[in-house]
């Protein structure tokens, strides 16, 4: 759906009509095909003014009209025109619903984006923590538990996010499994805390200022 591009004025500079295209005839009978080939001054000589095109505002915290109005300011040949959008703030319940959705996203990002395992000085790995990887970690963690209990030090190959597969000790595997499990539990518990904070927010301004990532572990920076 196109929006008005030009105002066609009458010769007394009252509004005649709006044009959504670039091909039209002015009140003087002058044909413009297309109007974009003509200067603003030449258009004005034939009582035509371009309408400044403004982007549709963000709908994150406000309701925005589906189409803009045309705001005309000034007098006579000095008039200017621009698209304007009618807006109204969303209510606080809608704002809190948006925040809860954002908080769930932050929770999933923290849970599933990985964990940096610092094995030794100068040796670090990104451990994958998505759902499939966590299932594999849990399985290998159980294997490691059995080996630790049996004093079996056989190394366990474990694939990292960079596709390297270092062989790690059963104790290291247990550490990884425990840490990933705790990461998941902490994220879920923090989500409940964040939702409680959201519920207590008093107004829309507080909702806009709220940081939904509060309390979640930082997503690994791989840059």
N, C-alpha and C. Protein backbone atom coordinates (compact mmCIF):
# COMPACT_ATOMS: atom_id res chain seq x y z
N UNK A 1 0.85 -1.19 0.00
CA UNK A 1 0.00 0.00 0.00
C UNK A 1 0.88 1.24 0.00
N UNK A 2 0.67 2.10 -1.02
CA UNK A 2 1.47 3.30 -1.11
C UNK A 2 0.89 4.42 -0.26
N UNK A 3 1.76 5.33 0.12
CA UNK A 3 1.34 6.50 0.89
C UNK A 3 1.47 7.73 0.00
N UNK A 4 0.75 8.81 0.34
CA UNK A 4 0.81 10.02 -0.50
C UNK A 4 2.24 10.54 -0.67
N UNK A 5 2.56 10.91 -1.89
CA UNK A 5 3.89 11.44 -2.22
C UNK A 5 3.88 12.94 -2.50
N UNK A 6 2.75 13.43 -2.99
CA UNK A 6 2.66 14.84 -3.38
C UNK A 6 1.32 15.43 -2.96
N UNK A 7 1.36 16.72 -2.61
CA UNK A 7 0.13 17.48 -2.40
C UNK A 7 -0.13 18.32 -3.65
N UNK A 8 -1.32 18.19 -4.19
CA UNK A 8 -1.72 19.04 -5.30
C UNK A 8 -2.59 20.16 -4.72
N UNK A 9 -2.11 21.37 -4.79
CA UNK A 9 -2.84 22.53 -4.25
C UNK A 9 -3.67 23.18 -5.36
N UNK A 10 -4.72 23.88 -4.94
CA UNK A 10 -5.42 24.79 -5.84
C UNK A 10 -4.58 26.05 -6.00
N UNK A 11 -4.99 26.93 -6.90
CA UNK A 11 -4.19 28.13 -7.16
C UNK A 11 -4.21 29.12 -6.00
N UNK A 12 -5.16 28.94 -5.05
CA UNK A 12 -5.14 29.77 -3.84
C UNK A 12 -4.39 29.09 -2.71
N UNK A 13 -3.71 28.01 -3.02
CA UNK A 13 -2.91 27.21 -2.09
C UNK A 13 -3.76 26.47 -1.04
N UNK A 14 -5.02 26.25 -1.34
CA UNK A 14 -5.81 25.30 -0.55
C UNK A 14 -5.57 23.91 -1.14
N UNK A 15 -5.75 22.89 -0.31
CA UNK A 15 -5.45 21.53 -0.75
C UNK A 15 -6.50 21.06 -1.74
N UNK A 16 -6.03 20.56 -2.87
CA UNK A 16 -6.92 19.96 -3.86
C UNK A 16 -7.01 18.45 -3.66
N UNK A 17 -5.84 17.81 -3.59
CA UNK A 17 -5.83 16.34 -3.42
C UNK A 17 -4.40 15.90 -3.13
N UNK A 18 -4.28 14.62 -2.80
CA UNK A 18 -2.97 13.99 -2.61
C UNK A 18 -2.75 12.99 -3.74
N UNK A 19 -1.50 12.83 -4.11
CA UNK A 19 -1.15 11.85 -5.14
C UNK A 19 -0.20 10.81 -4.55
N UNK A 20 -0.51 9.53 -4.79
CA UNK A 20 0.36 8.45 -4.32
C UNK A 20 1.39 8.04 -5.36
N UNK A 21 1.19 8.49 -6.59
CA UNK A 21 2.13 8.15 -7.64
C UNK A 21 2.97 9.36 -8.05
N UNK A 22 3.82 9.15 -9.05
CA UNK A 22 4.70 10.23 -9.52
C UNK A 22 4.25 10.78 -10.87
N UNK A 23 3.19 10.22 -11.43
CA UNK A 23 2.65 10.71 -12.69
C UNK A 23 1.27 11.32 -12.44
N UNK A 24 1.13 12.61 -12.70
CA UNK A 24 -0.15 13.28 -12.43
C UNK A 24 -0.18 14.61 -13.18
N UNK A 25 -1.35 15.26 -13.11
CA UNK A 25 -1.54 16.56 -13.73
C UNK A 25 -1.89 17.57 -12.64
N UNK A 26 -1.22 18.70 -12.64
CA UNK A 26 -1.47 19.74 -11.63
C UNK A 26 -2.71 20.55 -12.01
N UNK A 27 -3.11 21.47 -11.12
CA UNK A 27 -4.30 22.29 -11.40
C UNK A 27 -4.05 23.27 -12.54
N UNK A 28 -2.79 23.48 -12.89
CA UNK A 28 -2.48 24.36 -14.02
C UNK A 28 -2.53 23.62 -15.34
N UNK A 29 -2.77 22.32 -15.27
CA UNK A 29 -2.80 21.51 -16.47
C UNK A 29 -1.46 20.92 -16.85
N UNK A 30 -0.43 21.22 -16.07
CA UNK A 30 0.91 20.70 -16.35
C UNK A 30 0.97 19.23 -15.97
N UNK A 31 1.42 18.42 -16.92
CA UNK A 31 1.58 16.99 -16.67
C UNK A 31 3.00 16.70 -16.17
N UNK A 32 3.07 15.92 -15.15
CA UNK A 32 4.37 15.50 -14.60
C UNK A 32 4.48 13.99 -14.78
N UNK A 33 5.43 13.58 -15.62
CA UNK A 33 5.60 12.15 -15.90
C UNK A 33 7.09 11.84 -16.07
N UNK A 34 7.82 11.61 -14.96
CA UNK A 34 7.37 11.59 -13.57
C UNK A 34 7.74 12.90 -12.87
N UNK A 35 7.12 13.12 -11.73
CA UNK A 35 7.40 14.33 -10.95
C UNK A 35 8.81 14.33 -10.38
N UNK A 36 9.39 13.15 -10.23
CA UNK A 36 10.74 13.05 -9.66
C UNK A 36 11.79 13.66 -10.57
N UNK A 37 11.45 13.93 -11.82
CA UNK A 37 12.40 14.55 -12.74
C UNK A 37 12.41 16.08 -12.62
N UNK A 38 11.58 16.62 -11.73
CA UNK A 38 11.44 18.07 -11.66
C UNK A 38 11.89 18.58 -10.30
N UNK A 39 12.42 19.80 -10.29
CA UNK A 39 12.88 20.41 -9.04
C UNK A 39 11.70 20.81 -8.17
N UNK A 40 11.98 21.00 -6.88
CA UNK A 40 10.94 21.44 -5.95
C UNK A 40 10.38 22.80 -6.39
N UNK A 41 11.28 23.66 -6.86
CA UNK A 41 10.84 24.97 -7.32
C UNK A 41 9.90 24.90 -8.50
N UNK A 42 10.21 24.01 -9.44
CA UNK A 42 9.36 23.87 -10.62
C UNK A 42 8.00 23.30 -10.24
N UNK A 43 8.00 22.34 -9.32
CA UNK A 43 6.73 21.79 -8.85
C UNK A 43 5.88 22.88 -8.21
N UNK A 44 6.52 23.71 -7.38
CA UNK A 44 5.78 24.76 -6.68
C UNK A 44 5.17 25.77 -7.65
N UNK A 45 5.83 26.00 -8.78
CA UNK A 45 5.27 26.91 -9.78
C UNK A 45 3.92 26.43 -10.27
N UNK A 46 3.69 25.12 -10.14
CA UNK A 46 2.42 24.53 -10.58
C UNK A 46 1.60 24.03 -9.40
N UNK A 47 1.88 24.62 -8.22
CA UNK A 47 1.09 24.35 -7.02
C UNK A 47 1.17 22.88 -6.58
N UNK A 48 2.35 22.36 -6.65
CA UNK A 48 2.60 20.98 -6.21
C UNK A 48 3.73 21.00 -5.18
N UNK A 49 3.53 20.25 -4.10
CA UNK A 49 4.56 20.14 -3.07
C UNK A 49 4.81 18.66 -2.77
N UNK A 50 6.10 18.28 -2.65
CA UNK A 50 6.38 16.90 -2.23
C UNK A 50 6.04 16.71 -0.75
N UNK A 51 5.66 15.52 -0.40
CA UNK A 51 5.35 15.18 0.99
C UNK A 51 6.55 14.44 1.57
N UNK A 52 7.11 14.98 2.65
CA UNK A 52 8.24 14.32 3.30
C UNK A 52 7.79 12.96 3.82
N UNK A 53 8.53 11.93 3.42
CA UNK A 53 8.17 10.57 3.81
C UNK A 53 8.84 10.21 5.14
N UNK A 54 8.05 9.85 6.11
CA UNK A 54 8.58 9.48 7.43
C UNK A 54 8.34 8.00 7.67
N UNK A 55 9.29 7.36 8.31
CA UNK A 55 9.18 5.92 8.58
C UNK A 55 8.10 5.65 9.63
N UNK A 56 7.49 4.50 9.52
CA UNK A 56 6.51 4.09 10.52
C UNK A 56 7.21 3.89 11.85
N UNK A 57 6.71 4.49 12.93
CA UNK A 57 7.37 4.35 14.23
C UNK A 57 7.37 2.90 14.72
N UNK A 58 8.24 2.64 15.66
CA UNK A 58 8.30 1.32 16.28
C UNK A 58 6.98 1.00 16.97
N UNK A 59 6.57 -0.24 16.87
CA UNK A 59 5.34 -0.68 17.53
C UNK A 59 5.64 -1.44 18.82
N UNK A 60 6.90 -1.39 19.27
CA UNK A 60 7.26 -2.17 20.45
C UNK A 60 6.48 -1.73 21.68
N UNK A 61 6.39 -0.43 21.89
CA UNK A 61 5.74 0.06 23.11
C UNK A 61 4.53 0.95 22.81
N UNK A 62 4.08 0.97 21.58
CA UNK A 62 2.94 1.81 21.23
C UNK A 62 2.16 1.20 20.08
N UNK A 63 0.89 1.53 20.02
CA UNK A 63 0.07 1.16 18.88
C UNK A 63 0.22 2.26 17.83
N UNK A 64 0.37 1.85 16.58
CA UNK A 64 0.60 2.80 15.50
C UNK A 64 -0.47 2.61 14.44
N UNK A 65 -1.02 3.70 13.95
CA UNK A 65 -2.04 3.64 12.91
C UNK A 65 -1.52 2.87 11.70
N UNK A 66 -2.43 2.19 11.02
CA UNK A 66 -2.01 1.38 9.87
C UNK A 66 -1.56 2.23 8.69
N UNK A 67 -2.02 3.46 8.63
CA UNK A 67 -1.59 4.37 7.56
C UNK A 67 -1.42 5.77 8.14
N UNK A 68 -0.56 6.57 7.54
CA UNK A 68 -0.28 7.91 8.09
C UNK A 68 -1.27 8.96 7.59
N UNK A 69 -1.27 10.08 8.29
CA UNK A 69 -1.97 11.27 7.82
C UNK A 69 -0.94 12.21 7.19
N UNK A 70 -1.42 13.23 6.52
CA UNK A 70 -0.53 14.25 5.96
C UNK A 70 -0.67 15.52 6.80
N UNK A 71 0.44 15.97 7.33
CA UNK A 71 0.47 17.21 8.11
C UNK A 71 0.99 18.33 7.22
N UNK A 72 0.18 19.36 7.07
CA UNK A 72 0.59 20.52 6.27
C UNK A 72 0.77 21.70 7.20
N UNK A 73 1.91 22.34 7.11
CA UNK A 73 2.23 23.47 7.97
C UNK A 73 2.64 24.66 7.11
N UNK A 74 2.46 25.85 7.66
CA UNK A 74 2.85 27.06 6.95
C UNK A 74 1.69 27.70 6.22
N UNK A 75 2.00 28.72 5.45
CA UNK A 75 0.99 29.48 4.73
C UNK A 75 1.37 29.59 3.26
N UNK A 76 0.35 29.55 2.41
CA UNK A 76 0.54 29.80 0.99
C UNK A 76 1.63 28.95 0.36
N UNK A 77 2.47 29.61 -0.43
CA UNK A 77 3.50 28.88 -1.15
C UNK A 77 4.62 28.38 -0.24
N UNK A 78 4.62 28.82 1.01
CA UNK A 78 5.62 28.35 1.97
C UNK A 78 5.18 27.11 2.74
N UNK A 79 4.06 26.56 2.39
CA UNK A 79 3.56 25.38 3.08
C UNK A 79 4.49 24.18 2.84
N UNK A 80 4.59 23.36 3.85
CA UNK A 80 5.33 22.10 3.75
C UNK A 80 4.40 20.97 4.15
N UNK A 81 4.73 19.77 3.70
CA UNK A 81 3.88 18.61 3.99
C UNK A 81 4.75 17.43 4.41
N UNK A 82 4.24 16.66 5.34
CA UNK A 82 4.97 15.48 5.81
C UNK A 82 3.98 14.43 6.29
N UNK A 83 4.38 13.19 6.17
CA UNK A 83 3.56 12.11 6.73
C UNK A 83 3.71 12.10 8.24
N UNK A 84 2.61 11.92 8.94
CA UNK A 84 2.63 11.77 10.40
C UNK A 84 1.82 10.53 10.77
N UNK A 85 2.27 9.86 11.82
CA UNK A 85 1.63 8.62 12.25
C UNK A 85 0.97 8.82 13.61
N UNK A 86 -0.28 8.44 13.70
CA UNK A 86 -0.98 8.49 14.98
C UNK A 86 -0.50 7.33 15.85
N UNK A 87 -0.16 7.63 17.09
CA UNK A 87 0.32 6.60 18.01
C UNK A 87 -0.39 6.72 19.35
N UNK A 88 -0.41 5.62 20.07
CA UNK A 88 -0.93 5.62 21.45
C UNK A 88 -0.18 4.55 22.22
N UNK A 89 0.17 4.82 23.48
CA UNK A 89 0.94 3.84 24.27
C UNK A 89 0.15 2.55 24.46
N UNK A 90 0.85 1.42 24.46
CA UNK A 90 0.18 0.17 24.80
C UNK A 90 -0.09 0.16 26.30
N UNK A 91 -1.06 -0.66 26.72
CA UNK A 91 -1.35 -0.71 28.16
C UNK A 91 -0.30 -1.54 28.88
N UNK A 92 -0.28 -1.43 30.18
CA UNK A 92 0.79 -2.06 30.96
C UNK A 92 0.72 -3.58 30.89
N UNK A 93 -0.48 -4.15 30.75
CA UNK A 93 -0.58 -5.61 30.65
C UNK A 93 0.09 -6.11 29.37
N UNK A 94 -0.14 -5.39 28.28
CA UNK A 94 0.51 -5.76 27.01
C UNK A 94 2.02 -5.59 27.12
N UNK A 95 2.46 -4.53 27.81
CA UNK A 95 3.90 -4.30 27.98
C UNK A 95 4.53 -5.43 28.79
N UNK A 96 3.87 -5.86 29.84
CA UNK A 96 4.41 -6.94 30.67
C UNK A 96 4.44 -8.26 29.89
N UNK A 97 3.45 -8.48 29.04
CA UNK A 97 3.46 -9.69 28.21
C UNK A 97 4.67 -9.69 27.28
N UNK A 98 5.00 -8.52 26.72
CA UNK A 98 6.19 -8.42 25.88
C UNK A 98 7.45 -8.74 26.68
N UNK A 99 7.52 -8.22 27.90
CA UNK A 99 8.69 -8.45 28.74
C UNK A 99 8.83 -9.92 29.11
N UNK A 100 7.72 -10.56 29.42
CA UNK A 100 7.80 -11.99 29.76
C UNK A 100 8.32 -12.79 28.57
N UNK A 101 7.88 -12.43 27.38
CA UNK A 101 8.36 -13.11 26.17
C UNK A 101 9.86 -12.87 25.98
N UNK A 102 10.30 -11.63 26.21
CA UNK A 102 11.73 -11.32 26.11
C UNK A 102 12.53 -12.08 27.15
N UNK A 103 11.97 -12.19 28.36
CA UNK A 103 12.68 -12.90 29.43
C UNK A 103 12.86 -14.37 29.09
N UNK A 104 11.84 -14.98 28.48
CA UNK A 104 11.97 -16.38 28.05
C UNK A 104 13.08 -16.50 27.01
N UNK A 105 13.14 -15.55 26.09
CA UNK A 105 14.21 -15.57 25.09
C UNK A 105 15.58 -15.46 25.75
N UNK A 106 15.72 -14.55 26.71
CA UNK A 106 17.00 -14.39 27.42
C UNK A 106 17.36 -15.67 28.16
N UNK A 107 16.37 -16.32 28.74
CA UNK A 107 16.60 -17.57 29.45
C UNK A 107 17.12 -18.64 28.50
N UNK A 108 16.48 -18.77 27.34
CA UNK A 108 16.90 -19.79 26.37
C UNK A 108 18.29 -19.48 25.82
N UNK A 109 18.56 -18.21 25.58
CA UNK A 109 19.89 -17.84 25.09
C UNK A 109 20.96 -18.22 26.11
N UNK A 110 20.69 -17.94 27.39
CA UNK A 110 21.66 -18.27 28.43
C UNK A 110 21.85 -19.77 28.57
N UNK A 111 20.75 -20.52 28.42
CA UNK A 111 20.83 -21.98 28.58
C UNK A 111 21.49 -22.67 27.40
N UNK A 112 21.19 -22.18 26.20
CA UNK A 112 21.53 -22.94 25.00
C UNK A 112 22.72 -22.40 24.21
N UNK A 113 23.30 -21.27 24.62
CA UNK A 113 24.38 -20.65 23.83
C UNK A 113 25.77 -21.17 24.18
N UNK A 114 25.85 -22.04 25.15
CA UNK A 114 27.15 -22.64 25.47
C UNK A 114 27.75 -22.12 26.77
N UNK A 115 28.79 -22.81 27.18
CA UNK A 115 29.51 -22.46 28.41
C UNK A 115 31.00 -22.60 28.14
N UNK A 116 31.77 -21.60 28.54
CA UNK A 116 33.21 -21.63 28.35
C UNK A 116 33.86 -22.46 29.46
N UNK A 117 34.49 -23.54 29.05
CA UNK A 117 35.21 -24.39 30.01
C UNK A 117 36.69 -24.05 29.94
N UNK A 118 37.21 -23.50 30.99
CA UNK A 118 38.64 -23.21 31.07
C UNK A 118 39.33 -24.43 31.66
N UNK A 119 39.85 -25.27 30.79
CA UNK A 119 40.44 -26.53 31.25
C UNK A 119 41.77 -26.29 31.96
N UNK A 120 42.55 -25.44 31.37
CA UNK A 120 43.87 -25.11 31.93
C UNK A 120 44.29 -23.77 31.36
N UNK A 121 45.36 -23.24 31.87
CA UNK A 121 45.83 -21.95 31.36
C UNK A 121 46.12 -22.05 29.86
N UNK A 122 45.47 -21.21 29.09
CA UNK A 122 45.67 -21.22 27.64
C UNK A 122 44.89 -22.30 26.92
N UNK A 123 44.05 -23.04 27.62
CA UNK A 123 43.27 -24.11 26.99
C UNK A 123 41.81 -23.97 27.44
N UNK A 124 41.00 -23.40 26.54
CA UNK A 124 39.58 -23.20 26.83
C UNK A 124 38.74 -23.76 25.70
N UNK A 125 37.55 -24.19 26.03
CA UNK A 125 36.64 -24.76 25.04
C UNK A 125 35.23 -24.20 25.26
N UNK A 126 34.50 -24.10 24.16
CA UNK A 126 33.07 -23.78 24.27
C UNK A 126 32.30 -25.09 24.28
N UNK A 127 31.67 -25.36 25.40
CA UNK A 127 30.84 -26.55 25.54
C UNK A 127 29.44 -26.22 25.06
N UNK A 128 28.93 -26.99 24.11
CA UNK A 128 27.59 -26.75 23.59
C UNK A 128 26.55 -27.15 24.64
N UNK A 129 25.52 -26.31 24.79
CA UNK A 129 24.52 -26.58 25.82
C UNK A 129 23.10 -26.58 25.26
N UNK A 130 22.96 -26.75 23.94
CA UNK A 130 21.61 -26.88 23.39
C UNK A 130 21.00 -28.19 23.88
N UNK A 131 19.73 -28.41 23.61
CA UNK A 131 19.03 -29.56 24.18
C UNK A 131 19.67 -30.89 23.79
N UNK A 132 20.02 -31.05 22.51
CA UNK A 132 20.62 -32.31 22.07
C UNK A 132 21.98 -32.51 22.74
N UNK A 133 22.76 -31.44 22.81
CA UNK A 133 24.09 -31.55 23.43
C UNK A 133 23.98 -31.85 24.92
N UNK A 134 22.98 -31.25 25.59
CA UNK A 134 22.82 -31.51 27.02
C UNK A 134 22.45 -32.97 27.28
N UNK A 135 21.67 -33.56 26.37
CA UNK A 135 21.35 -34.98 26.53
C UNK A 135 22.61 -35.83 26.41
N UNK A 136 23.48 -35.48 25.46
CA UNK A 136 24.74 -36.21 25.30
C UNK A 136 25.65 -36.01 26.51
N UNK A 137 25.67 -34.77 27.03
CA UNK A 137 26.49 -34.49 28.22
C UNK A 137 26.00 -35.30 29.41
N UNK A 138 24.67 -35.36 29.58
CA UNK A 138 24.12 -36.12 30.71
C UNK A 138 24.48 -37.59 30.60
N UNK A 139 24.42 -38.14 29.37
CA UNK A 139 24.76 -39.55 29.18
C UNK A 139 26.23 -39.80 29.49
N UNK A 140 27.10 -38.93 28.99
CA UNK A 140 28.52 -39.11 29.26
C UNK A 140 28.85 -38.82 30.72
N UNK A 141 28.06 -37.95 31.33
CA UNK A 141 28.25 -37.70 32.75
C UNK A 141 27.96 -38.93 33.58
N UNK A 142 26.93 -39.68 33.21
CA UNK A 142 26.62 -40.93 33.93
C UNK A 142 27.73 -41.96 33.73
N UNK A 143 28.26 -42.01 32.49
CA UNK A 143 29.40 -42.90 32.22
C UNK A 143 30.59 -42.50 33.09
N UNK A 144 30.84 -41.21 33.17
CA UNK A 144 31.97 -40.73 33.97
C UNK A 144 31.77 -41.04 35.45
N UNK A 145 30.54 -40.91 35.94
CA UNK A 145 30.26 -41.25 37.34
C UNK A 145 30.63 -42.70 37.64
N UNK A 146 30.27 -43.58 36.70
CA UNK A 146 30.58 -45.00 36.90
C UNK A 146 32.08 -45.24 36.91
N UNK A 147 32.79 -44.55 36.03
CA UNK A 147 34.25 -44.73 35.97
C UNK A 147 34.93 -44.17 37.22
N UNK A 148 34.44 -43.02 37.68
CA UNK A 148 35.00 -42.46 38.91
C UNK A 148 34.77 -43.42 40.08
N UNK A 149 33.56 -43.98 40.16
CA UNK A 149 33.24 -44.91 41.25
C UNK A 149 34.10 -46.17 41.18
N UNK A 150 34.45 -46.57 39.95
CA UNK A 150 35.25 -47.78 39.77
C UNK A 150 36.74 -47.48 39.71
N UNK A 151 37.11 -46.23 39.97
CA UNK A 151 38.52 -45.80 39.88
C UNK A 151 39.10 -46.11 38.50
N UNK A 152 38.24 -45.98 37.50
CA UNK A 152 38.64 -46.21 36.11
C UNK A 152 38.99 -44.86 35.49
N UNK A 153 40.25 -44.65 35.14
CA UNK A 153 40.71 -43.35 34.63
C UNK A 153 40.71 -43.27 33.11
N UNK A 154 40.04 -44.22 32.45
CA UNK A 154 40.01 -44.21 30.99
C UNK A 154 39.45 -42.88 30.48
N UNK A 155 40.19 -42.27 29.56
CA UNK A 155 39.77 -40.96 29.06
C UNK A 155 38.52 -41.06 28.18
N UNK A 156 37.76 -39.99 28.16
CA UNK A 156 36.50 -39.95 27.42
C UNK A 156 36.61 -38.89 26.32
N UNK A 157 36.45 -39.28 25.04
CA UNK A 157 36.46 -38.28 23.97
C UNK A 157 35.19 -37.44 24.04
N UNK A 158 35.36 -36.13 23.94
CA UNK A 158 34.19 -35.26 24.07
C UNK A 158 34.29 -34.14 23.04
N UNK A 159 33.29 -34.06 22.16
CA UNK A 159 33.34 -33.08 21.07
C UNK A 159 32.88 -31.71 21.57
N UNK A 160 33.69 -30.70 21.22
CA UNK A 160 33.39 -29.33 21.60
C UNK A 160 32.71 -28.58 20.45
N UNK A 161 32.34 -27.34 20.69
CA UNK A 161 31.62 -26.55 19.69
C UNK A 161 32.46 -26.31 18.45
N UNK A 162 33.79 -26.27 18.58
CA UNK A 162 34.66 -26.04 17.43
C UNK A 162 35.00 -27.33 16.70
N UNK A 163 34.30 -28.42 17.07
CA UNK A 163 34.48 -29.76 16.48
C UNK A 163 35.78 -30.43 16.88
N UNK A 164 36.53 -29.82 17.77
CA UNK A 164 37.67 -30.54 18.34
C UNK A 164 37.13 -31.59 19.31
N UNK A 165 37.90 -32.65 19.50
CA UNK A 165 37.45 -33.73 20.39
C UNK A 165 38.56 -34.10 21.35
N UNK A 166 38.80 -33.28 22.35
CA UNK A 166 39.83 -33.63 23.33
C UNK A 166 39.39 -34.83 24.16
N UNK A 167 40.36 -35.59 24.61
CA UNK A 167 40.06 -36.69 25.52
C UNK A 167 40.18 -36.16 26.94
N UNK A 168 39.12 -36.30 27.70
CA UNK A 168 39.08 -35.71 29.04
C UNK A 168 38.93 -36.81 30.09
N UNK A 169 39.31 -36.48 31.29
CA UNK A 169 39.23 -37.46 32.38
C UNK A 169 37.78 -37.61 32.83
N UNK A 170 37.45 -38.74 33.45
CA UNK A 170 36.10 -38.89 34.00
C UNK A 170 35.74 -37.77 34.96
N UNK A 171 36.70 -37.33 35.78
CA UNK A 171 36.41 -36.24 36.72
C UNK A 171 36.07 -34.95 35.98
N UNK A 172 36.77 -34.70 34.87
CA UNK A 172 36.46 -33.50 34.08
C UNK A 172 35.07 -33.61 33.45
N UNK A 173 34.73 -34.82 33.00
CA UNK A 173 33.41 -35.03 32.41
C UNK A 173 32.32 -34.81 33.44
N UNK A 174 32.55 -35.27 34.65
CA UNK A 174 31.58 -35.05 35.74
C UNK A 174 31.43 -33.55 36.00
N UNK A 175 32.56 -32.84 35.99
CA UNK A 175 32.51 -31.39 36.21
C UNK A 175 31.68 -30.70 35.13
N UNK A 176 31.90 -31.09 33.88
CA UNK A 176 31.14 -30.49 32.78
C UNK A 176 29.65 -30.78 32.93
N UNK A 177 29.32 -32.05 33.19
CA UNK A 177 27.91 -32.44 33.32
C UNK A 177 27.24 -31.69 34.47
N UNK A 178 27.93 -31.61 35.59
CA UNK A 178 27.35 -30.92 36.75
C UNK A 178 27.15 -29.43 36.46
N UNK A 179 28.14 -28.82 35.82
CA UNK A 179 28.06 -27.38 35.55
C UNK A 179 26.93 -27.06 34.58
N UNK A 180 26.79 -27.89 33.54
CA UNK A 180 25.72 -27.66 32.56
C UNK A 180 24.35 -27.86 33.19
N UNK A 181 24.23 -28.85 34.07
CA UNK A 181 22.95 -29.07 34.77
C UNK A 181 22.62 -27.89 35.68
N UNK A 182 23.64 -27.39 36.38
CA UNK A 182 23.43 -26.24 37.27
C UNK A 182 23.07 -25.00 36.45
N UNK A 183 23.72 -24.84 35.29
CA UNK A 183 23.41 -23.71 34.41
C UNK A 183 21.94 -23.71 34.04
N UNK A 184 21.44 -24.88 33.66
CA UNK A 184 20.02 -24.99 33.29
C UNK A 184 19.12 -24.64 34.47
N UNK A 185 19.40 -25.22 35.62
CA UNK A 185 18.57 -24.97 36.81
C UNK A 185 18.60 -23.50 37.21
N UNK A 186 19.79 -22.90 37.15
CA UNK A 186 19.91 -21.48 37.52
C UNK A 186 19.11 -20.59 36.57
N UNK A 187 19.14 -20.92 35.29
CA UNK A 187 18.40 -20.12 34.31
C UNK A 187 16.89 -20.20 34.56
N UNK A 188 16.40 -21.41 34.81
CA UNK A 188 14.97 -21.58 35.05
C UNK A 188 14.55 -20.86 36.33
N UNK A 189 15.37 -20.99 37.38
CA UNK A 189 15.06 -20.30 38.63
C UNK A 189 15.09 -18.79 38.45
N UNK A 190 16.06 -18.31 37.69
CA UNK A 190 16.15 -16.86 37.46
C UNK A 190 14.98 -16.35 36.64
N UNK A 191 14.49 -17.18 35.72
CA UNK A 191 13.32 -16.77 34.93
C UNK A 191 12.13 -16.49 35.84
N UNK A 192 11.93 -17.33 36.83
CA UNK A 192 10.85 -17.09 37.79
C UNK A 192 11.06 -15.76 38.52
N UNK A 193 12.30 -15.48 38.90
CA UNK A 193 12.61 -14.23 39.60
C UNK A 193 12.35 -13.02 38.70
N UNK A 194 12.75 -13.13 37.43
CA UNK A 194 12.55 -12.03 36.49
C UNK A 194 11.06 -11.78 36.26
N UNK A 195 10.30 -12.86 36.12
CA UNK A 195 8.86 -12.70 35.94
C UNK A 195 8.23 -11.99 37.14
N UNK A 196 8.70 -12.31 38.33
CA UNK A 196 8.18 -11.64 39.53
C UNK A 196 8.51 -10.15 39.50
N UNK A 197 9.72 -9.81 39.05
CA UNK A 197 10.10 -8.41 38.93
C UNK A 197 9.22 -7.69 37.90
N UNK A 198 8.95 -8.38 36.79
CA UNK A 198 8.09 -7.80 35.75
C UNK A 198 6.70 -7.53 36.30
N UNK A 199 6.18 -8.48 37.03
CA UNK A 199 4.82 -8.33 37.58
C UNK A 199 4.72 -7.12 38.50
N UNK A 200 5.81 -6.77 39.16
CA UNK A 200 5.79 -5.66 40.12
C UNK A 200 6.03 -4.29 39.47
N UNK A 201 6.32 -4.26 38.18
CA UNK A 201 6.59 -2.97 37.53
C UNK A 201 5.35 -2.08 37.57
N UNK A 202 5.51 -0.80 37.94
CA UNK A 202 4.33 0.04 38.20
C UNK A 202 3.70 0.70 36.98
N UNK A 203 4.49 0.93 35.92
CA UNK A 203 3.94 1.68 34.79
C UNK A 203 4.73 1.37 33.51
N UNK A 204 4.28 1.97 32.42
CA UNK A 204 4.89 1.69 31.12
C UNK A 204 6.34 2.13 31.06
N UNK A 205 6.67 3.28 31.64
CA UNK A 205 8.06 3.74 31.63
C UNK A 205 8.98 2.74 32.32
N UNK A 206 8.50 2.16 33.41
CA UNK A 206 9.30 1.15 34.11
C UNK A 206 9.47 -0.10 33.25
N UNK A 207 8.44 -0.44 32.50
CA UNK A 207 8.54 -1.60 31.60
C UNK A 207 9.57 -1.34 30.50
N UNK A 208 9.54 -0.14 29.93
CA UNK A 208 10.47 0.20 28.86
C UNK A 208 11.92 0.15 29.35
N UNK A 209 12.13 0.56 30.59
CA UNK A 209 13.49 0.61 31.15
C UNK A 209 13.98 -0.73 31.67
N UNK A 210 13.10 -1.71 31.79
CA UNK A 210 13.48 -2.98 32.43
C UNK A 210 14.39 -3.81 31.53
N UNK A 211 15.42 -4.40 32.14
CA UNK A 211 16.37 -5.25 31.43
C UNK A 211 16.01 -6.72 31.68
N UNK A 212 15.50 -7.38 30.64
CA UNK A 212 15.04 -8.76 30.79
C UNK A 212 16.19 -9.75 30.96
N UNK A 213 17.41 -9.33 30.71
CA UNK A 213 18.55 -10.24 30.87
C UNK A 213 19.07 -10.26 32.30
N UNK A 214 18.42 -9.51 33.18
CA UNK A 214 18.86 -9.40 34.58
C UNK A 214 19.01 -10.78 35.22
N UNK A 215 20.20 -11.04 35.75
CA UNK A 215 20.43 -12.26 36.52
C UNK A 215 20.82 -13.48 35.72
N UNK A 216 20.64 -13.45 34.39
CA UNK A 216 21.00 -14.62 33.59
C UNK A 216 22.50 -14.63 33.32
N UNK A 217 23.09 -15.83 33.22
CA UNK A 217 24.52 -15.90 32.87
C UNK A 217 24.77 -15.24 31.52
N UNK A 218 25.91 -14.62 31.38
CA UNK A 218 26.24 -13.95 30.13
C UNK A 218 26.42 -14.98 29.02
N UNK A 219 25.94 -14.63 27.83
CA UNK A 219 26.15 -15.48 26.66
C UNK A 219 27.63 -15.38 26.27
N UNK A 220 28.28 -16.51 26.00
CA UNK A 220 29.71 -16.46 25.66
C UNK A 220 30.00 -15.53 24.49
N UNK A 221 31.03 -14.71 24.64
CA UNK A 221 31.46 -13.81 23.58
C UNK A 221 32.53 -14.52 22.76
N UNK A 222 32.17 -14.86 21.53
CA UNK A 222 33.08 -15.65 20.69
C UNK A 222 33.86 -14.79 19.72
N UNK A 223 33.73 -13.47 19.85
CA UNK A 223 34.45 -12.58 18.93
C UNK A 223 35.95 -12.66 19.15
